[in-house]
Protein backbone atom coordinates (compact mmCIF):
# COMPACT_ATOMS: atom_id res chain seq x y z
CA MET A 1 -0.95 21.47 9.26
CA ASP A 2 -2.41 20.23 13.45
CA TRP A 3 -5.27 19.06 11.80
CA LYS A 4 -3.74 16.99 10.39
CA ARG A 5 -1.49 16.28 13.31
CA HIS A 6 -4.17 14.93 15.33
CA LEU A 7 -7.08 13.49 12.82
CA THR A 8 -3.55 11.02 12.50
CA THR A 9 -3.25 10.75 16.41
CA GLY A 10 -6.56 10.06 16.75
CA LEU A 11 -7.34 6.93 14.42
CA LEU A 12 -4.32 5.52 15.83
CA GLY A 13 -6.32 5.17 19.30
CA PHE A 14 -7.80 2.44 18.12
CA GLY A 15 -3.99 0.45 17.37
CA PRO A 16 -3.32 -0.45 21.37
CA LEU A 17 -7.28 -1.99 22.08
CA CYS A 18 -6.64 -4.16 18.71
CA SER A 19 -2.12 -4.97 18.58
CA PHE A 20 -2.48 -8.05 20.09
CA GLY A 21 -5.35 -9.49 18.26
CA ILE A 22 -3.24 -9.46 15.34
CA VAL A 23 -1.07 -11.30 16.13
CA CYS A 24 -3.06 -14.40 17.43
CA SER A 25 -5.07 -13.73 14.28
CA PHE A 26 -2.10 -14.48 12.82
CA GLY A 27 -2.07 -18.30 13.88
CA PHE A 28 -6.05 -18.38 12.66
CA VAL A 29 -4.73 -16.92 8.36
CA CYS A 30 -2.30 -19.14 8.25
CA SER A 31 -5.04 -22.41 9.08
CA SER A 32 -7.82 -21.62 7.44
CA VAL A 33 -6.46 -22.05 4.13
CA SER A 34 -6.65 -26.21 5.25
CA TRP A 35 -9.98 -26.60 5.36
CA GLY A 36 -10.86 -30.41 4.94
CA ASN A 37 -11.94 -31.45 1.86
CA SER A 38 -15.49 -32.39 2.40
CA ALA A 39 -16.49 -28.88 3.56
CA PHE A 40 -14.64 -27.66 0.44
CA ALA A 41 -16.43 -29.74 -1.91
CA GLN A 42 -20.29 -28.60 -0.29
CA SER A 43 -18.56 -24.82 -0.93
CA GLY A 44 -18.67 -25.93 -4.83
CA GLY A 45 -14.44 -24.66 -4.34
CA LEU A 46 -13.63 -22.49 -7.67
CA ALA A 47 -15.21 -24.58 -9.87
CA GLN A 48 -18.31 -21.95 -9.14
CA GLY A 49 -16.50 -19.07 -10.33
CA PRO A 50 -15.92 -15.88 -8.92
CA VAL A 51 -16.93 -13.66 -5.95
CA GLU A 52 -20.61 -12.13 -6.16
CA PHE A 53 -20.25 -9.13 -4.31
CA GLN A 54 -23.71 -7.52 -5.30
CA PRO A 55 -27.47 -9.57 -6.05
CA LYS A 56 -28.28 -10.18 -9.21
CA PRO A 57 -31.80 -8.00 -11.02
CA GLN A 58 -32.93 -12.17 -10.76
CA ASP A 59 -30.76 -12.64 -7.06
CA PRO A 60 -32.71 -11.46 -3.37
CA PRO A 61 -31.02 -9.22 -1.70
CA ALA A 62 -29.13 -11.82 0.10
CA THR A 63 -26.69 -11.68 -2.03
CA SER A 64 -26.06 -7.60 -0.96
CA ARG A 65 -21.82 -7.97 0.10
CA LEU A 66 -22.87 -6.77 3.41
CA GLY A 67 -25.44 -9.47 3.95
CA ASN A 68 -29.08 -10.21 3.79
CA PRO A 69 -31.57 -7.59 4.69
CA GLN A 70 -34.72 -10.03 5.12
CA SER A 71 -32.23 -12.13 7.60
CA SER A 72 -30.82 -11.36 11.08
CA ASP A 73 -27.18 -10.29 9.34
CA SER A 74 -28.78 -7.18 9.36
CA ASN A 75 -29.41 -6.22 12.53
CA PHE A 76 -26.23 -5.22 14.18
CA GLY A 77 -26.43 -2.52 16.46
CA LEU A 78 -23.76 -0.09 17.89
CA LEU A 79 -22.64 -3.26 20.03
CA GLY A 80 -23.36 -5.93 17.88
CA PRO A 81 -26.32 -8.70 16.61
CA THR A 82 -29.92 -7.44 18.06
CA ALA A 83 -31.32 -9.39 21.17
CA SER A 84 -34.16 -10.87 18.11
CA THR A 85 -31.00 -12.69 15.81
CA SER A 86 -31.09 -16.19 16.45
CA PRO A 87 -28.29 -19.11 14.73
CA THR A 88 -32.01 -20.35 12.88
CA ALA A 89 -33.06 -17.76 11.74
CA ARG A 90 -29.54 -16.42 10.17
CA SER A 91 -28.76 -20.70 8.95
CA SER A 92 -32.61 -20.21 7.46
CA ALA A 93 -31.88 -17.11 5.42
CA ARG A 94 -29.23 -17.53 4.40
CA PRO A 95 -29.71 -18.27 -0.14
CA PRO A 96 -28.58 -21.61 -1.09
CA ARG A 97 -25.36 -21.98 -3.09
CA SER A 98 -25.76 -22.56 -7.12
CA SER A 99 -24.39 -25.55 -8.09
CA SER A 100 -24.03 -24.61 -11.82
CA SER A 101 -19.74 -24.48 -12.88
CA SER A 102 -20.82 -21.09 -14.79
CA ALA A 103 -22.58 -19.34 -11.67
CA ARG A 104 -20.84 -16.73 -9.81
CA ASN A 105 -19.49 -17.82 -6.63
CA THR A 106 -21.02 -15.59 -3.55
CA TYR A 107 -19.36 -15.91 -0.91
CA VAL A 108 -20.84 -13.85 1.38
CA ARG A 109 -19.44 -13.60 4.82
CA VAL A 110 -15.49 -12.95 3.74
CA ALA A 111 -16.53 -10.72 0.69
CA ARG A 112 -17.80 -8.54 3.30
CA ALA A 113 -13.90 -8.17 5.10
CA PRO A 114 -12.98 -4.51 3.93
CA ASN A 115 -9.26 -3.94 1.85
CA MET A 116 -6.53 -3.26 4.02
CA PHE A 117 -4.84 -0.43 4.34
CA GLY A 118 -1.46 -0.89 4.07
CA ASP A 119 1.18 1.96 4.74
CA THR A 120 3.71 1.85 2.32
CA LEU A 121 6.15 4.45 0.84
CA THR A 122 9.30 3.05 -0.16
CA PRO A 123 12.70 2.89 1.01
CA ALA A 124 14.51 5.97 -0.21
CA VAL A 125 17.90 6.46 -2.49
CA THR A 126 20.90 8.77 -1.50
CA LEU A 127 22.47 11.33 -3.07
CA THR A 128 25.68 12.36 -1.43
CA PRO A 129 27.69 15.61 -3.92
CA PHE A 130 31.03 17.40 -3.00
CA LYS A 131 30.95 21.06 -4.37
CA GLU A 132 34.51 20.21 -5.79
CA GLN A 133 34.54 22.86 -8.56
CA GLY A 134 37.45 25.68 -7.78
CA SER A 135 37.62 26.34 -4.56
CA ASP A 136 34.37 25.23 -3.12
CA THR A 137 35.62 22.04 -1.70
CA ALA A 138 33.80 21.57 1.83
CA SER A 139 30.89 21.98 1.36
CA ARG A 140 28.87 18.92 1.51
CA GLU A 141 25.16 18.12 0.72
CA LEU A 142 23.09 15.14 1.29
CA PHE A 143 19.69 14.98 -1.08
CA THR A 144 17.26 11.50 0.54
CA ALA A 145 14.36 10.64 -1.74
CA PRO A 146 12.00 7.90 -2.65
CA LEU A 147 13.08 6.82 -6.27
CA GLY A 148 9.97 7.27 -9.60
CA GLY A 149 7.04 8.85 -7.48
CA GLY A 150 7.17 6.51 -4.40
CA GLY A 151 8.43 3.61 -6.38
CA SER A 152 6.49 0.51 -6.55
CA PHE A 153 3.33 -0.14 -4.42
CA ASN A 154 2.98 -3.55 -1.98
CA VAL A 155 0.71 -5.26 -3.01
CA SER A 156 -1.53 -4.67 0.72
CA GLU A 157 -2.53 -1.17 -0.68
CA ASN A 158 -6.33 -1.21 -0.01
CA ASN A 159 -6.05 -4.77 -1.44
CA THR A 160 -8.00 -8.42 -0.68
CA ALA A 161 -7.03 -11.44 -1.49
CA LEU A 162 -10.97 -12.03 -3.12
CA PRO A 163 -10.58 -10.89 -6.68
CA THR A 164 -13.23 -7.34 -7.06
CA ASP A 165 -14.83 -5.46 -9.66
CA ARG A 166 -13.53 -1.67 -8.82
CA VAL A 167 -11.94 1.69 -8.94
CA TYR A 168 -10.02 3.27 -6.85
CA PHE A 169 -8.35 6.63 -5.93
CA VAL A 170 -5.94 6.57 -2.61
CA TYR A 171 -4.95 9.77 -1.24
CA ASN A 172 -2.10 9.41 0.75
CA ALA A 173 0.28 12.76 3.00
CA PHE A 174 3.13 11.49 4.28
CA TYR A 175 5.05 14.14 6.74
CA ASN A 176 8.53 14.43 6.58
CA ALA A 177 9.44 11.82 3.66
CA ALA A 178 12.21 13.54 1.53
CA SER A 179 14.96 15.61 3.24
CA ALA A 180 18.36 17.27 2.49
CA THR A 181 21.05 18.61 4.91
CA ILE A 182 23.43 21.57 3.95
CA ASN A 183 27.05 21.82 5.32
CA ALA A 184 27.96 25.48 4.24
CA ASP A 185 31.31 25.22 5.79
CA PRO A 186 33.35 26.91 3.81
CA ASN A 187 32.98 29.78 6.68
CA GLY A 188 32.46 27.33 9.32
CA PHE A 189 28.33 27.70 9.24
CA GLN A 190 26.32 25.02 10.44
CA PRO A 191 24.40 22.47 8.60
CA ILE A 192 21.55 23.34 7.30
CA GLN A 193 18.96 20.74 7.06
CA LYS A 194 14.92 20.81 5.84
CA SER A 195 11.69 18.00 5.29
CA ILE A 196 9.65 17.58 2.76
CA ASP A 197 6.05 16.47 3.68
CA LEU A 198 4.94 14.20 0.67
CA HIS A 199 1.19 14.21 -0.90
CA ARG A 200 0.79 11.27 -3.44
CA TYR A 201 -2.55 10.37 -5.70
CA LEU A 202 -3.43 7.41 -7.29
CA ILE A 203 -5.78 5.85 -9.40
CA GLY A 204 -6.45 2.45 -10.47
CA PHE A 205 -9.29 -0.01 -11.15
CA GLU A 206 -9.52 -3.66 -10.63
CA LYS A 207 -11.32 -6.04 -13.14
CA THR A 208 -12.08 -9.59 -13.51
CA PHE A 209 -11.75 -12.40 -15.48
CA PHE A 210 -12.16 -16.33 -15.99
CA ASP A 211 -15.60 -16.43 -14.18
CA GLY A 212 -14.33 -14.35 -11.72
CA ASN A 213 -11.18 -16.41 -10.33
CA VAL A 214 -9.35 -14.11 -11.55
CA SER A 215 -7.88 -9.65 -12.02
CA LEU A 216 -6.29 -7.10 -13.31
CA ASP A 217 -5.12 -4.50 -10.56
CA VAL A 218 -3.66 -1.45 -12.90
CA ARG A 219 -2.51 1.40 -10.68
CA MET A 220 -0.80 4.71 -11.34
CA PRO A 221 0.10 6.93 -8.69
CA PHE A 222 1.17 10.68 -9.02
CA MET A 223 3.09 13.07 -6.25
CA SER A 224 3.74 16.64 -5.58
CA ASN A 225 7.55 17.87 -6.54
CA ILE A 226 10.26 17.03 -4.22
CA GLU A 227 12.75 19.80 -4.96
CA PHE A 228 15.38 21.43 -2.87
CA ASN A 229 17.27 24.43 -3.83
CA SER A 230 20.00 25.86 -1.94
CA PHE A 231 23.81 27.61 -2.54
CA GLY A 232 23.65 26.57 -6.30
CA LEU A 233 22.91 23.04 -6.10
CA LEU A 234 18.95 21.93 -7.96
CA SER A 235 17.70 18.95 -8.32
CA GLU A 236 14.26 17.54 -8.63
CA SER A 237 12.01 14.50 -8.64
CA GLY A 238 9.14 14.85 -10.63
CA ASN A 239 5.32 14.46 -9.78
CA VAL A 240 4.50 10.86 -11.95
CA GLY A 241 4.95 8.65 -10.76
CA ASN A 242 5.32 5.00 -11.46
CA LEU A 243 2.34 1.89 -13.55
CA THR A 244 1.83 -0.39 -11.42
CA MET A 245 -0.67 -4.28 -12.00
CA TYR A 246 -0.83 -7.22 -10.41
CA MET A 247 -2.33 -10.10 -12.11
CA LYS A 248 -3.94 -11.94 -9.09
CA GLY A 249 -5.50 -15.45 -9.30
CA LEU A 250 -8.01 -17.21 -6.34
CA LEU A 251 -5.89 -20.87 -4.88
CA ALA A 252 -9.00 -21.92 -2.70
CA ALA A 253 -11.92 -20.35 -1.26
CA ASN A 254 -15.29 -20.99 1.07
CA ASP A 255 -17.68 -18.72 2.84
CA ASP A 256 -15.11 -18.05 5.84
CA ALA A 257 -11.03 -17.18 4.15
CA ALA A 258 -9.51 -17.21 0.70
CA LEU A 259 -6.31 -18.08 -0.41
CA ALA A 260 -5.00 -16.40 -3.54
CA THR A 261 -2.10 -15.64 -4.76
CA GLY A 262 -0.16 -13.85 -8.23
CA LEU A 263 2.77 -11.55 -9.32
CA GLY A 264 2.99 -7.59 -10.11
CA ILE A 265 4.96 -5.80 -12.35
CA GLY A 266 5.77 -1.81 -12.01
CA LEU A 267 6.84 -0.08 -14.93
CA PRO A 268 9.19 3.00 -15.16
CA THR A 269 6.74 5.48 -16.21
CA GLY A 270 8.17 7.40 -12.78
CA SER A 271 9.82 11.23 -13.99
CA ASP A 272 13.53 11.43 -13.58
CA PHE A 273 16.02 13.09 -10.58
CA GLN A 274 17.99 15.66 -11.42
CA SER A 275 20.10 17.84 -10.34
CA HIS A 276 21.77 20.65 -11.81
CA SER A 277 24.09 23.28 -11.46
CA ASP A 278 22.79 26.97 -10.59
CA PRO A 279 24.88 28.90 -14.46
CA SER A 280 25.00 32.11 -12.20
CA ILE A 281 27.37 30.32 -9.98
CA TYR A 282 29.35 27.76 -11.41
CA ALA A 283 30.10 25.95 -14.66
CA PRO A 284 26.84 24.41 -15.80
CA GLU A 285 26.82 20.72 -15.09
CA THR A 286 23.59 17.86 -14.38
CA LEU A 287 23.81 14.70 -13.38
CA ILE A 288 20.68 12.60 -14.04
CA VAL A 289 18.70 8.87 -12.13
CA ARG A 290 17.17 7.76 -15.19
CA ASN A 291 14.56 5.89 -13.39
CA GLN A 292 14.50 2.44 -15.69
CA ALA A 293 14.19 -0.59 -12.96
CA VAL A 294 11.59 -2.88 -14.04
CA HIS A 295 10.25 -4.90 -10.52
CA LEU A 296 8.37 -8.69 -9.98
CA MET A 297 6.40 -8.75 -7.19
CA PRO A 298 5.27 -12.55 -6.76
CA PHE A 299 2.81 -12.35 -3.26
CA LEU A 300 0.35 -14.63 -1.45
CA ALA A 301 -3.38 -13.41 -0.05
CA ALA A 302 -4.67 -14.59 2.34
CA THR A 303 -8.27 -12.91 3.02
CA ALA A 304 -10.59 -15.17 6.20
CA HIS A 305 -14.09 -14.21 8.61
CA LEU A 306 -13.48 -14.43 12.05
CA GLY A 307 -17.73 -14.47 13.39
CA GLU A 308 -20.27 -12.20 13.18
CA HIS A 309 -17.70 -8.66 13.13
CA TRP A 310 -14.50 -9.33 12.61
CA PHE A 311 -11.91 -10.19 10.32
CA THR A 312 -8.55 -10.74 9.07
CA GLN A 313 -6.09 -9.84 6.06
CA SER A 314 -2.79 -10.77 5.23
CA PHE A 315 -0.16 -10.57 2.47
CA CYS A 316 3.11 -11.59 2.05
CA GLN A 317 5.33 -10.14 -1.26
CA MET A 318 9.05 -10.02 -1.89
CA ASN A 319 9.66 -6.70 -4.62
CA PHE A 320 12.62 -7.61 -7.06
CA ALA A 321 14.00 -5.14 -8.62
CA ALA A 322 15.23 -6.78 -12.05
CA SER A 323 16.80 -3.77 -13.65
CA GLY A 324 19.52 -1.04 -12.58
CA ASN A 325 18.80 2.90 -12.80
CA GLU A 326 21.17 4.92 -15.25
CA VAL A 327 22.94 8.05 -13.17
CA VAL A 328 24.67 10.30 -16.50
CA ASN A 329 25.85 13.70 -16.50
CA GLN A 330 27.09 16.26 -18.25
CA ASP A 331 29.73 14.08 -19.57
CA GLY A 332 27.88 10.52 -20.30
CA LEU A 333 27.45 7.17 -18.57
CA VAL A 334 28.39 7.38 -15.07
CA GLY A 335 27.77 4.29 -13.57
CA VAL A 336 24.08 1.95 -13.25
CA PHE A 337 22.79 1.62 -9.93
CA GLN A 338 20.84 -1.07 -8.61
CA GLU A 339 17.64 -1.28 -6.45
CA GLN A 340 17.52 -3.35 -3.48
CA ASN A 341 14.82 -6.35 -3.38
CA LEU A 342 12.65 -6.03 -0.66
CA PHE A 343 10.10 -8.44 1.52
CA GLN A 344 6.96 -7.12 3.19
CA ALA A 345 4.73 -9.14 5.81
CA ASP A 346 1.31 -7.55 6.64
CA LEU A 347 -1.09 -8.97 9.09
CA GLY A 348 -4.68 -6.88 9.40
CA LEU A 349 -6.93 -8.07 12.03
CA GLY A 350 -10.50 -5.19 11.80
CA ARG A 351 -14.41 -5.20 13.85
CA TRP A 352 -17.17 -4.38 12.23
CA LEU A 353 -18.94 -1.84 14.78
CA TRP A 354 -21.94 -1.67 13.41
CA GLN A 355 -24.05 -2.85 10.32
CA ASP A 356 -27.34 -1.97 8.34
CA SER A 357 -27.92 -2.78 5.22
CA THR A 358 -31.94 -1.88 4.49
CA ARG A 359 -29.69 1.92 4.95
CA PRO A 360 -29.91 3.16 1.62
CA TYR A 361 -27.22 5.42 2.44
CA PHE A 362 -24.39 4.99 5.06
CA GLN A 363 -24.61 1.50 6.03
CA ALA A 364 -22.04 0.05 8.16
CA LEU A 365 -18.63 0.60 10.11
CA ALA A 366 -15.74 -0.78 10.24
CA ALA A 367 -12.28 0.19 12.21
CA VAL A 368 -9.24 -1.94 11.16
CA THR A 369 -5.27 -2.26 12.57
CA GLU A 370 -3.02 -3.43 10.72
CA LEU A 371 0.85 -3.60 11.17
CA HIS A 372 3.81 -3.81 8.23
CA TYR A 373 7.07 -5.42 8.23
CA THR A 374 9.75 -3.65 4.93
CA THR A 375 13.28 -4.83 4.56
CA THR A 376 16.30 -4.89 2.54
CA VAL A 377 16.75 -8.17 2.10
CA GLN A 378 20.46 -6.82 0.43
CA ASN A 379 23.33 -4.39 1.33
CA THR A 380 22.57 -1.46 -1.01
CA ASP A 381 24.55 -0.73 -4.44
CA SER A 382 26.85 2.54 -4.97
CA VAL A 383 27.75 4.64 -8.21
CA ASN A 384 30.85 7.05 -7.76
CA LEU A 385 30.41 10.27 -9.21
CA PRO A 386 33.62 11.92 -10.99
CA SER A 387 36.20 13.59 -8.50
CA GLY A 388 36.19 17.24 -9.73
CA ASN A 389 33.09 18.11 -10.73
CA LEU A 390 30.85 19.49 -8.57
CA PHE A 391 28.73 16.06 -8.14
CA GLY A 392 31.88 14.54 -6.99
CA GLY A 393 30.41 12.26 -3.92
CA SER A 394 27.73 8.76 -4.35
CA PHE A 395 24.06 7.80 -4.72
CA SER A 396 23.17 5.13 -2.89
CA ASN A 397 21.64 4.04 0.16
CA ALA A 398 22.61 6.24 2.71
CA GLU A 399 21.39 4.09 5.40
CA ASN A 400 22.26 0.82 3.76
CA ARG A 401 20.24 -2.90 5.82
CA LEU A 402 16.94 -0.92 6.67
CA ASP A 403 13.76 -2.29 8.70
CA LEU A 404 10.51 -1.16 8.51
CA LEU A 405 8.12 -2.53 11.34
CA ASN A 406 4.44 0.54 10.92
CA LEU A 407 1.19 0.18 12.95
CA THR A 408 -1.85 1.43 11.11
CA SER A 409 -5.12 1.91 12.49
CA GLY A 410 -8.32 3.16 10.09
CA LEU A 411 -12.38 3.12 9.48
CA GLN A 412 -13.88 2.21 6.78
CA ALA A 413 -18.04 3.48 5.72
CA GLN A 414 -20.00 1.53 3.79
CA LEU A 415 -21.96 4.28 1.86
CA SER A 416 -23.77 1.55 0.14
CA PRO A 417 -23.23 -2.08 -0.64
CA LEU A 418 -21.05 -0.96 -3.76
CA SER A 419 -19.05 1.90 -1.52
CA ALA A 420 -16.61 2.59 0.52
CA LEU A 421 -15.18 5.64 2.01
CA ARG A 422 -11.38 5.04 4.32
CA VAL A 423 -9.79 6.80 6.51
CA GLY A 424 -6.17 5.34 7.79
CA ALA A 425 -3.42 7.25 9.70
CA VAL A 426 0.01 5.85 9.95
CA VAL A 427 3.25 5.71 11.97
CA PRO A 428 6.18 4.03 12.05
CA LEU A 429 7.11 2.06 16.05
CA ARG A 430 10.99 1.47 15.05
CA ASN A 431 13.11 5.22 15.65
CA THR A 432 15.57 6.86 12.39
CA PRO A 433 16.94 5.12 9.87
CA ASP A 434 14.66 2.51 10.12
CA ARG A 435 11.17 4.85 9.13
CA SER A 436 10.52 5.85 5.76
CA PHE A 437 8.38 9.03 6.92
CA ASP A 438 7.55 10.45 10.95
CA ALA A 439 3.61 9.86 10.43
CA GLU A 440 1.10 9.11 7.32
CA LEU A 441 -2.55 9.92 6.55
CA GLN A 442 -4.56 8.26 4.13
CA VAL A 443 -8.04 8.70 2.53
CA SER A 444 -9.12 6.27 -0.56
CA LEU A 445 -12.87 5.62 -1.61
CA ASN A 446 -13.81 2.38 -3.61
CA ARG A 447 -16.71 1.81 -6.78
CA LYS A 448 -17.81 -1.82 -7.22
CA PHE A 449 -19.15 -2.43 -10.51
C-alpha cells in the first residue's frame, strides 16, 4: 500500500505549480466559444463534419492528432519547439481545410488536448441501525458507503468536449472511501472504527454519429465488494455498478476551441445495499436498499488550445435523481429513499512537456492539473426504520449538505497516434465531512479507432 501512497504524493507535486494558471484560464474558456462570425465561417463551422483524430489513407500525415511530422509542430524538445521552428513554416505546413460538407473536420490543434482525468465518487449514504432486539438495546452502528457501485458518473471523467471514436479502460483506487463505526456499548466498550478502500474497474466506448458531430459514450463500472461484519450485523454492497450513457453534441468548434452539450442517463444496473442479522446471534432480519434510481445529467463542456503547448478542459453538470430507491425489510416496504441532486463543475489546465510525432511509439508527454467541485443542492432524504427490530434506526446521508473540492494531477503518455496511457492522483482539499475519500489513484488507457 505504501508504494501507492508514494506515487500519489509524487504526482501531486505538479499541482501547486498550475493551480494559479487554472483559475486564470477560466476566463479564456468562457470567451473561447465567442468567436467572430468571420473566423467561424473560415473554420467551416459544423458544416464540415466531425473531428478527425487520425489521417485517412489518402491524406498526408499532417492530419495526425499529434500534428504534422513534416511541419515544425513535431519539432518539440523537452523545453518546447526547437530553434528550427518558425511561424511561417508552421503556417505553410498546416494542411488546408476541405470545403466539402461531407468531409470530416480535423480541428488538429484542439483535438490534441488530452481528456480530463476527473475525480468522482458520489457522496455516501449512512445506515444507522440500533440493536433493539431483546435486551441488546444500547449498541449503535453506522455504515457509510456509496450506492449503486459508486453511483452515476460525472461527465468529466476521462472525457473531452470533442466527440471521439474510442474504447477505454479506467482503474480507480479510493482510499478510505467506506467506513463502519461500531459502538458495542452494553459493557462500556470503546467505539470500533473500520475504513475500507474501494477499487473501481470501468470499461467503456464512445462512438460518433452524424458526420462526427454527435457521440454516444457508454460506461460500465465494477467495484470491489464493500462488506462489513460486526457483532451479528452483516452488510455488503455488491460488485456491479450503474451503467451510464452520455449523448454529446458539438455546438461550435474550430481549430482552437470546441463547445459541446448533452445529456447523460444513469441506469440502476448496480447491486443493492443489503444488511442481515447473524441467525446464530439474533432472530432473522434483513434490510435492503434497492438500487432503483434513474439519474438524468445535462451538461456543458468546453475544450481549448491555448497556444503552442497549453490546453484546457472544463465541464459543468447537474445530476438529478429522477426516481427513488425502495427500502425494504423482512416485513415488506419501509419507505423510499430519494438521493440528493448534485451540481458539479470541473476545470483543468495542462501542458505538453514533449512531442515528437515522427517516433513510432511514445510520441508525447503531457502534464495536467484539475480542480473539481461537487455540491448537494438540497437536504438529504431520510427513511426511518421500524422500532422494535434489529434494524431500528434510519437510512440517510448523515452529513446532509456537502461541498467537495478535489485537486487532480496527472501525466498522459501518447503511446501512438491512437493510444494514450494516463496516470493521475486526486487529493481532497477540504476536511471531513466535505470529502468522500482520503486519496485516489487513477490509471487509464484510451484507444481511438
